[in-house]
Amino acid sequence: MPPPSEAFLAAAAPRRKRSTTPARRRVLGYALLILPVLLATLVLFVYPIGQILTTSVVDRGLTLANYKRALGDPIYLRVLWITVKISLLTTLVCLLLGYPMAYLMAEAPPRLRGTLVAVVAISFFMSLLVKNYAWTVLLQETGVVNTLLRRAHIIERPLPLMYNLFGVLVGMVHMLLPFVILPLFSVFAGMDRTLRQASRTLGAGGLRTFWYVTLPLSLPGVGAGALLVLIVSLGFFITPALLGSPREMMLANLIDNQVRQVINWPFASALAMLLLAFTLLTYLVYYRIFGTERLWEQV
């Protein structure tokens, strides 16, 4: 007769098999759920980026000549600087305009608030190309803005509102402003109003209440909106092409020029990888300041 411990183990063995079977089924179910996402990520993201990276460093062998050219030529460095400058200016203007708009939307009555949110959301359903052509009609020398100003005898000659930095900023701010308004609106709508009331009860005025209560509580929304606008604006292509000039050429326009006109795929791939690297660097800076979870909480 086997010892009691061995008999107990022999009797418990079938139970262990029965108990591990449901666990394996759960693991298999989770794997089947994740598998389509992994395949989509590999096919739509990993493989294309891998192909671009390979094209940028392989030219009759491994080489970094394309990256040296992109980072060593003052012309391409200037294009990179213009891209960063326009993106930062667009982000700053969007924050200056979107912050008060989001605050007023959150403080509006419920019916009006819903209408304002719908108006902001409708802009996502309009084509970027249509928006840019609409600004072309408004800002050109014979456009609506210059025509009205001349008829009102405010100006004698048409103002240069297009094919310069001003036209590019106007178009990009118009496209990207909702990306700031909606995160900030969600922050203001969820903000505890009793904190502001308590601040005023304790003797703080409106400005001090805003500076010490409202602004610090809204910083996660500011960071989320700024990150979204900055990342999207770094890759903008249509607006600089239609409303700007060669002086406002951004990195995406340069990549398009290298692909379609010069037909230099390796150099275009190197520029694309540099743009991706700068975008990832921007995201890492945001992560160190705010944390990734703050972004998805406010979007």
C-alpha atoms as a PDB file:
ATOM      1  CA  MET A   1       0.000   0.000   0.000  1.00  0.00           C
ATOM      2  CA  PRO A   2       1.484   3.385  -1.045  1.00  0.00           C
ATOM      3  CA  PRO A   3       2.086   6.049   1.565  1.00  0.00           C
ATOM      4  CA  PRO A   4      -0.796   8.503   2.188  1.00  0.00           C
ATOM      5  CA  SER A   5       1.051  11.337   0.533  1.00  0.00           C
ATOM      6  CA  GLU A   6       1.487   9.375  -2.687  1.00  0.00           C
ATOM      7  CA  ALA A   7      -2.152   8.279  -2.634  1.00  0.00           C
ATOM      8  CA  PHE A   8      -3.246  11.855  -2.163  1.00  0.00           C
ATOM      9  CA  LEU A   9      -1.088  12.991  -5.075  1.00  0.00           C
ATOM     10  CA  ALA A  10      -2.413  10.209  -7.273  1.00  0.00           C
ATOM     11  CA  ALA A  11      -6.009  11.157  -6.427  1.00  0.00           C
ATOM     12  CA  ALA A  12      -5.361  14.853  -6.979  1.00  0.00           C
ATOM     13  CA  ALA A  13      -3.651  14.390 -10.348  1.00  0.00           C
ATOM     14  CA  PRO A  14      -6.885  14.215 -12.398  1.00  0.00           C
ATOM     15  CA  ARG A  15      -8.165  17.320 -10.594  1.00  0.00           C
ATOM     16  CA  ARG A  16      -5.046  19.211 -11.524  1.00  0.00           C
ATOM     17  CA  LYS A  17      -5.492  18.222 -15.142  1.00  0.00           C
ATOM     18  CA  ARG A  18      -9.116  19.278 -15.035  1.00  0.00           C
ATOM     19  CA  SER A  19      -8.224  22.591 -13.378  1.00  0.00           C
ATOM     20  CA  THR A  20      -5.418  23.399 -15.816  1.00  0.00           C
ATOM     21  CA  THR A  21      -7.577  22.746 -18.886  1.00  0.00           C
ATOM     22  CA  PRO A  22      -9.846  25.807 -18.386  1.00  0.00           C
ATOM     23  CA  ALA A  23      -6.750  27.942 -17.737  1.00  0.00           C
ATOM     24  CA  ARG A  24      -5.195  26.817 -21.009  1.00  0.00           C
ATOM     25  CA  ARG A  25      -8.447  27.545 -22.788  1.00  0.00           C
ATOM     26  CA  ARG A  26      -8.488  31.062 -21.377  1.00  0.00           C
ATOM     27  CA  VAL A  27      -4.889  31.635 -22.470  1.00  0.00           C
ATOM     28  CA  LEU A  28      -5.751  30.301 -25.928  1.00  0.00           C
ATOM     29  CA  GLY A  29      -8.804  32.563 -26.087  1.00  0.00           C
ATOM     30  CA  TYR A  30      -6.717  35.606 -25.146  1.00  0.00           C
ATOM     31  CA  ALA A  31      -4.134  34.660 -27.773  1.00  0.00           C
ATOM     32  CA  LEU A  32      -6.818  34.370 -30.456  1.00  0.00           C
ATOM     33  CA  LEU A  33      -8.145  37.799 -29.506  1.00  0.00           C
ATOM     34  CA  ILE A  34      -4.700  39.399 -29.615  1.00  0.00           C
ATOM     35  CA  LEU A  35      -3.590  37.652 -32.804  1.00  0.00           C
ATOM     36  CA  PRO A  36      -5.573  39.879 -35.246  1.00  0.00           C
ATOM     37  CA  VAL A  37      -4.211  43.012 -33.546  1.00  0.00           C
ATOM     38  CA  LEU A  38      -0.656  41.690 -33.721  1.00  0.00           C
ATOM     39  CA  LEU A  39      -1.052  40.759 -37.390  1.00  0.00           C
ATOM     40  CA  ALA A  40      -2.511  44.174 -38.219  1.00  0.00           C
ATOM     41  CA  THR A  41       0.338  45.902 -36.345  1.00  0.00           C
ATOM     42  CA  LEU A  42       2.952  43.827 -38.163  1.00  0.00           C
ATOM     43  CA  VAL A  43       1.405  44.302 -41.613  1.00  0.00           C
ATOM     44  CA  LEU A  44       0.381  47.968 -41.331  1.00  0.00           C
ATOM     45  CA  PHE A  45       3.140  49.410 -39.124  1.00  0.00           C
ATOM     46  CA  VAL A  46       6.158  47.219 -38.424  1.00  0.00           C
ATOM     47  CA  TYR A  47       6.673  45.908 -41.962  1.00  0.00           C
ATOM     48  CA  PRO A  48       6.322  49.315 -43.745  1.00  0.00           C
ATOM     49  CA  ILE A  49       8.604  51.049 -41.239  1.00  0.00           C
ATOM     50  CA  GLY A  50      11.098  48.196 -41.570  1.00  0.00           C
ATOM     51  CA  GLN A  51      11.024  48.564 -45.341  1.00  0.00           C
ATOM     52  CA  ILE A  52      11.607  52.325 -45.141  1.00  0.00           C
ATOM     53  CA  LEU A  53      14.474  51.832 -42.674  1.00  0.00           C
ATOM     54  CA  THR A  54      16.030  49.183 -44.903  1.00  0.00           C
ATOM     55  CA  THR A  55      15.720  51.396 -47.985  1.00  0.00           C
ATOM     56  CA  SER A  56      17.394  54.290 -46.167  1.00  0.00           C
ATOM     57  CA  VAL A  57      20.514  52.329 -45.116  1.00  0.00           C
ATOM     58  CA  VAL A  58      20.954  49.812 -47.961  1.00  0.00           C
ATOM     59  CA  ASP A  59      22.531  51.045 -51.196  1.00  0.00           C
ATOM     60  CA  ARG A  60      24.970  48.456 -52.548  1.00  0.00           C
ATOM     61  CA  GLY A  61      25.612  47.568 -48.937  1.00  0.00           C
ATOM     62  CA  LEU A  62      24.974  49.184 -45.581  1.00  0.00           C
ATOM     63  CA  THR A  63      25.534  52.926 -45.582  1.00  0.00           C
ATOM     64  CA  LEU A  64      24.613  56.020 -43.593  1.00  0.00           C
ATOM     65  CA  ALA A  65      25.302  58.394 -46.473  1.00  0.00           C
ATOM     66  CA  ASN A  66      21.658  59.450 -46.739  1.00  0.00           C
ATOM     67  CA  TYR A  67      21.507  60.400 -43.056  1.00  0.00           C
ATOM     68  CA  LYS A  68      24.833  62.256 -43.303  1.00  0.00           C
ATOM     69  CA  ARG A  69      23.462  64.174 -46.269  1.00  0.00           C
ATOM     70  CA  ALA A  70      20.217  65.031 -44.483  1.00  0.00           C
ATOM     71  CA  LEU A  71      21.940  66.170 -41.282  1.00  0.00           C
ATOM     72  CA  GLY A  72      24.993  67.743 -42.888  1.00  0.00           C
ATOM     73  CA  ASP A  73      23.514  69.882 -45.643  1.00  0.00           C
ATOM     74  CA  PRO A  74      22.349  73.363 -44.471  1.00  0.00           C
ATOM     75  CA  ILE A  75      19.465  73.278 -46.949  1.00  0.00           C
ATOM     76  CA  TYR A  76      17.899  70.198 -45.399  1.00  0.00           C
ATOM     77  CA  LEU A  77      18.631  71.408 -41.888  1.00  0.00           C
ATOM     78  CA  ARG A  78      16.766  74.598 -42.746  1.00  0.00           C
ATOM     79  CA  VAL A  79      13.771  72.565 -43.908  1.00  0.00           C
ATOM     80  CA  LEU A  80      13.889  70.655 -40.618  1.00  0.00           C
ATOM     81  CA  TRP A  81      14.020  73.925 -38.678  1.00  0.00           C
ATOM     82  CA  ILE A  82      11.091  75.340 -40.679  1.00  0.00           C
ATOM     83  CA  THR A  83       9.088  72.188 -39.901  1.00  0.00           C
ATOM     84  CA  VAL A  84       9.782  72.499 -36.180  1.00  0.00           C
ATOM     85  CA  LYS A  85       9.132  76.260 -36.162  1.00  0.00           C
ATOM     86  CA  ILE A  86       5.802  76.043 -37.978  1.00  0.00           C
ATOM     87  CA  SER A  87       4.697  73.114 -35.805  1.00  0.00           C
ATOM     88  CA  LEU A  88       5.563  74.946 -32.573  1.00  0.00           C
ATOM     89  CA  LEU A  89       3.876  78.164 -33.725  1.00  0.00           C
ATOM     90  CA  THR A  90       0.767  76.230 -34.742  1.00  0.00           C
ATOM     91  CA  THR A  91       0.685  74.514 -31.347  1.00  0.00           C
ATOM     92  CA  LEU A  92       1.088  77.811 -29.502  1.00  0.00           C
ATOM     93  CA  VAL A  93      -1.671  79.582 -31.471  1.00  0.00           C
ATOM     94  CA  CYS A  94      -4.008  76.595 -31.058  1.00  0.00           C
ATOM     95  CA  LEU A  95      -3.464  76.688 -27.291  1.00  0.00           C
ATOM     96  CA  LEU A  96      -4.061  80.447 -27.106  1.00  0.00           C
ATOM     97  CA  LEU A  97      -7.308  80.143 -29.064  1.00  0.00           C
ATOM     98  CA  GLY A  98      -8.487  76.753 -27.847  1.00  0.00           C
ATOM     99  CA  TYR A  99      -8.046  77.301 -24.103  1.00  0.00           C
ATOM    100  CA  PRO A 100     -10.645  80.083 -23.688  1.00  0.00           C
ATOM    101  CA  MET A 101     -12.956  78.415 -26.200  1.00  0.00           C
ATOM    102  CA  ALA A 102     -12.893  75.132 -24.262  1.00  0.00           C
ATOM    103  CA  TYR A 103     -13.443  76.977 -20.979  1.00  0.00           C
ATOM    104  CA  LEU A 104     -16.460  78.859 -22.334  1.00  0.00           C
ATOM    105  CA  MET A 105     -17.886  75.632 -23.768  1.00  0.00           C
ATOM    106  CA  ALA A 106     -17.593  73.911 -20.397  1.00  0.00           C
ATOM    107  CA  GLU A 107     -19.228  76.852 -18.606  1.00  0.00           C
ATOM    108  CA  ALA A 108     -22.091  77.163 -21.107  1.00  0.00           C
ATOM    109  CA  PRO A 109     -25.620  75.884 -20.345  1.00  0.00           C
ATOM    110  CA  PRO A 110     -26.170  72.189 -21.179  1.00  0.00           C
ATOM    111  CA  ARG A 111     -28.083  72.761 -24.438  1.00  0.00           C
ATOM    112  CA  LEU A 112     -25.645  75.334 -25.750  1.00  0.00           C
ATOM    113  CA  ARG A 113     -22.742  73.160 -24.632  1.00  0.00           C
ATOM    114  CA  GLY A 114     -23.965  70.238 -26.699  1.00  0.00           C
ATOM    115  CA  THR A 115     -24.398  72.481 -29.736  1.00  0.00           C
ATOM    116  CA  LEU A 116     -20.881  73.882 -29.393  1.00  0.00           C
ATOM    117  CA  VAL A 117     -19.348  70.421 -29.052  1.00  0.00           C
ATOM    118  CA  ALA A 118     -21.230  69.295 -32.158  1.00  0.00           C
ATOM    119  CA  VAL A 119     -19.961  72.317 -34.104  1.00  0.00           C
ATOM    120  CA  VAL A 120     -16.372  71.509 -33.147  1.00  0.00           C
ATOM    121  CA  ALA A 121     -16.817  67.825 -33.973  1.00  0.00           C
ATOM    122  CA  ILE A 122     -18.343  68.580 -37.386  1.00  0.00           C
ATOM    123  CA  SER A 123     -14.986  69.920 -38.546  1.00  0.00           C
ATOM    124  CA  PHE A 124     -13.612  66.377 -38.477  1.00  0.00           C
ATOM    125  CA  PHE A 125     -16.086  65.369 -41.196  1.00  0.00           C
ATOM    126  CA  MET A 126     -14.801  67.983 -43.658  1.00  0.00           C
ATOM    127  CA  SER A 127     -12.015  67.147 -46.079  1.00  0.00           C
ATOM    128  CA  LEU A 128      -8.652  68.810 -45.481  1.00  0.00           C
ATOM    129  CA  LEU A 129      -8.411  69.567 -49.178  1.00  0.00           C
ATOM    130  CA  VAL A 130     -11.776  71.354 -49.149  1.00  0.00           C
ATOM    131  CA  LYS A 131     -10.737  73.431 -46.134  1.00  0.00           C
ATOM    132  CA  ASN A 132      -7.506  74.480 -47.790  1.00  0.00           C
ATOM    133  CA  TYR A 133      -9.216  75.479 -51.016  1.00  0.00           C
ATOM    134  CA  ALA A 134     -11.746  77.447 -48.967  1.00  0.00           C
ATOM    135  CA  TRP A 135      -8.889  79.410 -47.368  1.00  0.00           C
ATOM    136  CA  THR A 136      -7.461  79.960 -50.849  1.00  0.00           C
ATOM    137  CA  VAL A 137     -10.720  81.632 -51.861  1.00  0.00           C
ATOM    138  CA  LEU A 138     -10.692  83.757 -48.715  1.00  0.00           C
ATOM    139  CA  LEU A 139      -7.032  84.801 -48.557  1.00  0.00           C
ATOM    140  CA  GLN A 140      -5.907  85.328 -52.147  1.00  0.00           C
ATOM    141  CA  GLU A 141      -5.343  88.856 -53.483  1.00  0.00           C
ATOM    142  CA  THR A 142      -8.788  88.909 -55.123  1.00  0.00           C
ATOM    143  CA  GLY A 143     -10.342  86.896 -52.324  1.00  0.00           C
ATOM    144  CA  VAL A 144     -13.118  87.709 -49.908  1.00  0.00           C
ATOM    145  CA  VAL A 145     -10.934  89.238 -47.166  1.00  0.00           C
ATOM    146  CA  ASN A 146      -8.996  91.633 -49.405  1.00  0.00           C
ATOM    147  CA  THR A 147     -12.117  92.558 -51.346  1.00  0.00           C
ATOM    148  CA  LEU A 148     -14.031  93.508 -48.192  1.00  0.00           C
ATOM    149  CA  LEU A 149     -11.097  95.487 -46.799  1.00  0.00           C
ATOM    150  CA  ARG A 150     -10.688  97.432 -50.053  1.00  0.00           C
ATOM    151  CA  ARG A 151     -14.401  98.173 -50.307  1.00  0.00           C
ATOM    152  CA  ALA A 152     -14.324  99.460 -46.737  1.00  0.00           C
ATOM    153  CA  HIS A 153     -11.367 101.698 -47.740  1.00  0.00           C
ATOM    154  CA  ILE A 154      -9.212 100.160 -45.019  1.00  0.00           C
ATOM    155  CA  ILE A 155      -6.464  99.171 -47.456  1.00  0.00           C
ATOM    156  CA  GLU A 156      -5.469 100.359 -50.894  1.00  0.00           C
ATOM    157  CA  ARG A 157      -3.452  97.355 -52.034  1.00  0.00           C
ATOM    158  CA  PRO A 158      -4.229  93.679 -51.383  1.00  0.00           C
ATOM    159  CA  LEU A 159      -2.576  92.256 -48.301  1.00  0.00           C
ATOM    160  CA  PRO A 160      -0.193  89.293 -48.790  1.00  0.00           C
ATOM    161  CA  LEU A 161      -2.267  86.756 -46.880  1.00  0.00           C
ATOM    162  CA  MET A 162      -1.228  83.694 -48.895  1.00  0.00           C
ATOM    163  CA  TYR A 163       1.964  81.981 -50.043  1.00  0.00           C
ATOM    164  CA  ASN A 164       3.738  82.936 -46.837  1.00  0.00           C
ATOM    165  CA  LEU A 165       4.014  81.895 -43.191  1.00  0.00           C
ATOM    166  CA  PHE A 166       0.773  83.661 -42.261  1.00  0.00           C
ATOM    167  CA  GLY A 167      -1.283  81.645 -44.751  1.00  0.00           C
ATOM    168  CA  VAL A 168       0.252  78.355 -43.618  1.00  0.00           C
ATOM    169  CA  LEU A 169      -0.408  79.139 -39.946  1.00  0.00           C
ATOM    170  CA  VAL A 170      -4.010  80.178 -40.606  1.00  0.00           C
ATOM    171  CA  GLY A 171      -4.723  76.964 -42.488  1.00  0.00           C
ATOM    172  CA  MET A 172      -2.978  74.665 -40.007  1.00  0.00           C
ATOM    173  CA  VAL A 173      -4.539  76.306 -36.951  1.00  0.00           C
ATOM    174  CA  HIS A 174      -7.965  75.942 -38.518  1.00  0.00           C
ATOM    175  CA  MET A 175      -7.349  72.221 -39.164  1.00  0.00           C
ATOM    176  CA  LEU A 176      -5.848  71.390 -35.766  1.00  0.00           C
ATOM    177  CA  LEU A 177      -7.760  73.620 -33.344  1.00  0.00           C
ATOM    178  CA  PRO A 178     -10.319  70.890 -32.455  1.00  0.00           C
ATOM    179  CA  PHE A 179      -7.448  68.674 -31.255  1.00  0.00           C
ATOM    180  CA  VAL A 180      -6.848  71.225 -28.491  1.00  0.00           C
ATOM    181  CA  ILE A 181     -10.446  72.176 -27.750  1.00  0.00           C
ATOM    182  CA  LEU A 182     -11.794  68.676 -27.122  1.00  0.00           C
ATOM    183  CA  PRO A 183      -9.142  67.498 -24.589  1.00  0.00           C
ATOM    184  CA  LEU A 184      -9.349  70.799 -22.735  1.00  0.00           C
ATOM    185  CA  PHE A 185     -13.149  70.689 -22.774  1.00  0.00           C
ATOM    186  CA  SER A 186     -13.111  67.242 -21.166  1.00  0.00           C
ATOM    187  CA  VAL A 187     -10.783  68.572 -18.443  1.00  0.00           C
ATOM    188  CA  PHE A 188     -12.901  71.641 -17.716  1.00  0.00           C
ATOM    189  CA  ALA A 189     -16.138  69.636 -17.787  1.00  0.00           C
ATOM    190  CA  GLY A 190     -14.775  67.182 -15.202  1.00  0.00           C
ATOM    191  CA  MET A 191     -13.203  69.823 -12.986  1.00  0.00           C
ATOM    192  CA  ASP A 192     -14.605  70.193  -9.477  1.00  0.00           C
ATOM    193  CA  ARG A 193     -16.189  73.648  -9.414  1.00  0.00           C
ATOM    194  CA  THR A 194     -16.304  73.720  -5.623  1.00  0.00           C
ATOM    195  CA  LEU A 195     -12.540  74.239  -5.621  1.00  0.00           C
ATOM    196  CA  ARG A 196     -12.923  77.538  -7.459  1.00  0.00           C
ATOM    197  CA  GLN A 197     -15.811  78.522  -5.213  1.00  0.00           C
ATOM    198  CA  ALA A 198     -13.705  77.730  -2.149  1.00  0.00           C
ATOM    199  CA  SER A 199     -10.856  79.824  -3.517  1.00  0.00           C
ATOM    200  CA  ARG A 200     -13.122  82.822  -3.983  1.00  0.00           C
ATOM    201  CA  THR A 201     -14.691  82.286  -0.578  1.00  0.00           C
ATOM    202  CA  LEU A 202     -11.225  82.469   0.977  1.00  0.00           C
ATOM    203  CA  GLY A 203     -10.685  85.876  -0.611  1.00  0.00           C
ATOM    204  CA  ALA A 204      -8.918  85.086  -3.890  1.00  0.00           C
ATOM    205  CA  GLY A 205     -10.027  87.074  -6.892  1.00  0.00           C
ATOM    206  CA  GLY A 206     -10.791  85.729 -10.320  1.00  0.00           C
ATOM    207  CA  LEU A 207      -7.215  86.043 -11.580  1.00  0.00           C
ATOM    208  CA  ARG A 208      -5.653  84.368  -8.531  1.00  0.00           C
ATOM    209  CA  THR A 209      -8.255  81.600  -8.667  1.00  0.00           C
ATOM    210  CA  PHE A 210      -7.424  80.973 -12.289  1.00  0.00           C
ATOM    211  CA  TRP A 211      -3.660  81.017 -11.699  1.00  0.00           C
ATOM    212  CA  TYR A 212      -3.594  78.791  -8.599  1.00  0.00           C
ATOM    213  CA  VAL A 213      -6.613  76.516  -9.178  1.00  0.00           C
ATOM    214  CA  THR A 214      -7.943  76.404 -12.739  1.00  0.00           C
ATOM    215  CA  LEU A 215      -4.650  76.499 -14.637  1.00  0.00           C
ATOM    216  CA  PRO A 216      -2.834  73.769 -12.654  1.00  0.00           C
ATOM    217  CA  LEU A 217      -5.861  71.458 -12.899  1.00  0.00           C
ATOM    218  CA  SER A 218      -6.082  72.021 -16.656  1.00  0.00           C
ATOM    219  CA  LEU A 219      -2.417  71.287 -17.416  1.00  0.00           C
ATOM    220  CA  PRO A 220      -3.048  67.614 -18.360  1.00  0.00           C
ATOM    221  CA  GLY A 221      -5.490  68.778 -21.028  1.00  0.00           C
ATOM    222  CA  VAL A 222      -3.029  71.438 -22.195  1.00  0.00           C
ATOM    223  CA  GLY A 223      -0.312  68.820 -22.517  1.00  0.00           C
ATOM    224  CA  ALA A 224      -2.553  66.348 -24.335  1.00  0.00           C
ATOM    225  CA  GLY A 225      -3.812  68.929 -26.808  1.00  0.00           C
ATOM    226  CA  ALA A 226      -0.334  70.327 -27.415  1.00  0.00           C
ATOM    227  CA  LEU A 227       1.085  66.876 -28.053  1.00  0.00           C
ATOM    228  CA  LEU A 228      -1.648  65.948 -30.520  1.00  0.00           C
ATOM    229  CA  VAL A 229      -1.305  69.204 -32.454  1.00  0.00           C
ATOM    230  CA  LEU A 230       2.488  69.079 -32.509  1.00  0.00           C
ATOM    231  CA  ILE A 231       2.683  65.473 -33.715  1.00  0.00           C
ATOM    232  CA  VAL A 232       0.070  65.955 -36.434  1.00  0.00           C
ATOM    233  CA  SER A 233       1.523  69.265 -37.622  1.00  0.00           C
ATOM    234  CA  LEU A 234       5.010  67.781 -38.011  1.00  0.00           C
ATOM    235  CA  GLY A 235       3.731  65.663 -40.881  1.00  0.00           C
ATOM    236  CA  PHE A 236       1.489  68.270 -42.530  1.00  0.00           C
ATOM    237  CA  PHE A 237       1.704  68.309 -46.311  1.00  0.00           C
ATOM    238  CA  ILE A 238      -1.370  69.759 -48.055  1.00  0.00           C
ATOM    239  CA  THR A 239      -1.562  73.119 -46.277  1.00  0.00           C
ATOM    240  CA  PRO A 240       2.090  74.169 -46.825  1.00  0.00           C
ATOM    241  CA  ALA A 241       1.803  73.060 -50.460  1.00  0.00           C
ATOM    242  CA  LEU A 242      -1.352  75.111 -51.175  1.00  0.00           C
ATOM    243  CA  LEU A 243      -1.073  78.111 -48.842  1.00  0.00           C
ATOM    244  CA  GLY A 244       2.698  78.391 -48.525  1.00  0.00           C
ATOM    245  CA  SER A 245       5.698  78.984 -50.745  1.00  0.00           C
ATOM    246  CA  PRO A 246       9.112  77.294 -51.123  1.00  0.00           C
ATOM    247  CA  ARG A 247      10.225  79.353 -48.108  1.00  0.00           C
ATOM    248  CA  GLU A 248       7.668  77.429 -45.987  1.00  0.00           C
ATOM    249  CA  MET A 249       8.569  73.968 -47.312  1.00  0.00           C
ATOM    250  CA  MET A 250       8.155  71.404 -44.554  1.00  0.00           C
ATOM    251  CA  LEU A 251       9.772  67.998 -44.246  1.00  0.00           C
ATOM    252  CA  ALA A 252       6.736  66.173 -45.644  1.00  0.00           C
ATOM    253  CA  ASN A 253       6.854  68.367 -48.763  1.00  0.00           C
ATOM    254  CA  LEU A 254      10.554  67.627 -49.171  1.00  0.00           C
ATOM    255  CA  ILE A 255       9.895  63.888 -48.893  1.00  0.00           C
ATOM    256  CA  ASP A 256       7.201  64.178 -51.549  1.00  0.00           C
ATOM    257  CA  ASN A 257       9.626  66.086 -53.793  1.00  0.00           C
ATOM    258  CA  GLN A 258      12.285  63.398 -53.408  1.00  0.00           C
ATOM    259  CA  VAL A 259       9.813  60.603 -54.173  1.00  0.00           C
ATOM    260  CA  ARG A 260       7.842  62.050 -57.089  1.00  0.00           C
ATOM    261  CA  GLN A 261      10.253  64.423 -58.834  1.00  0.00           C
ATOM    262  CA  VAL A 262      13.814  63.433 -57.937  1.00  0.00           C
ATOM    263  CA  ILE A 263      12.859  59.740 -57.525  1.00  0.00           C
ATOM    264  CA  ASN A 264      15.447  59.285 -54.790  1.00  0.00           C
ATOM    265  CA  TRP A 265      13.775  56.697 -52.585  1.00  0.00           C
ATOM    266  CA  PRO A 266      16.743  56.035 -50.255  1.00  0.00           C
ATOM    267  CA  PHE A 267      17.120  59.714 -49.353  1.00  0.00           C
ATOM    268  CA  ALA A 268      13.358  60.153 -48.994  1.00  0.00           C
ATOM    269  CA  SER A 269      13.307  57.127 -46.665  1.00  0.00           C
ATOM    270  CA  ALA A 270      16.076  58.653 -44.558  1.00  0.00           C
ATOM    271  CA  LEU A 271      14.096  61.900 -44.255  1.00  0.00           C
ATOM    272  CA  ALA A 272      10.997  59.920 -43.275  1.00  0.00           C
ATOM    273  CA  MET A 273      12.930  58.079 -40.557  1.00  0.00           C
ATOM    274  CA  LEU A 274      14.272  61.384 -39.214  1.00  0.00           C
ATOM    275  CA  LEU A 275      10.738  62.740 -39.068  1.00  0.00           C
ATOM    276  CA  LEU A 276       9.607  59.603 -37.239  1.00  0.00           C
ATOM    277  CA  ALA A 277      12.524  59.885 -34.808  1.00  0.00           C
ATOM    278  CA  PHE A 278      11.698  63.508 -34.008  1.00  0.00           C
ATOM    279  CA  THR A 279       8.040  62.589 -33.484  1.00  0.00           C
ATOM    280  CA  LEU A 280       9.026  59.808 -31.069  1.00  0.00           C
ATOM    281  CA  LEU A 281      11.336  62.224 -29.258  1.00  0.00           C
ATOM    282  CA  THR A 282       8.429  64.634 -28.840  1.00  0.00           C
ATOM    283  CA  TYR A 283       6.314  61.846 -27.387  1.00  0.00           C
ATOM    284  CA  LEU A 284       9.089  60.838 -24.971  1.00  0.00           C
ATOM    285  CA  VAL A 285       9.394  64.418 -23.725  1.00  0.00           C
ATOM    286  CA  TYR A 286       5.645  64.464 -23.072  1.00  0.00           C
ATOM    287  CA  TYR A 287       5.892  61.107 -21.293  1.00  0.00           C
ATOM    288  CA  ARG A 288       8.598  62.379 -18.957  1.00  0.00           C
ATOM    289  CA  ILE A 289       6.570  65.491 -18.096  1.00  0.00           C
ATOM    290  CA  PHE A 290       2.965  64.236 -17.903  1.00  0.00           C
ATOM    291  CA  GLY A 291       2.969  60.442 -18.262  1.00  0.00           C
ATOM    292  CA  THR A 292       1.327  58.442 -21.028  1.00  0.00           C
ATOM    293  CA  GLU A 293      -1.851  57.671 -19.111  1.00  0.00           C
ATOM    294  CA  ARG A 294      -2.709  61.379 -18.883  1.00  0.00           C
ATOM    295  CA  LEU A 295      -2.944  61.602 -22.662  1.00  0.00           C
ATOM    296  CA  TRP A 296      -5.533  58.864 -23.035  1.00  0.00           C
ATOM    297  CA  GLU A 297      -7.486  60.087 -20.004  1.00  0.00           C
ATOM    298  CA  GLN A 298      -8.089  63.456 -21.642  1.00  0.00           C
ATOM    299  CA  VAL A 299      -8.606  62.457 -25.308  1.00  0.00           C
END
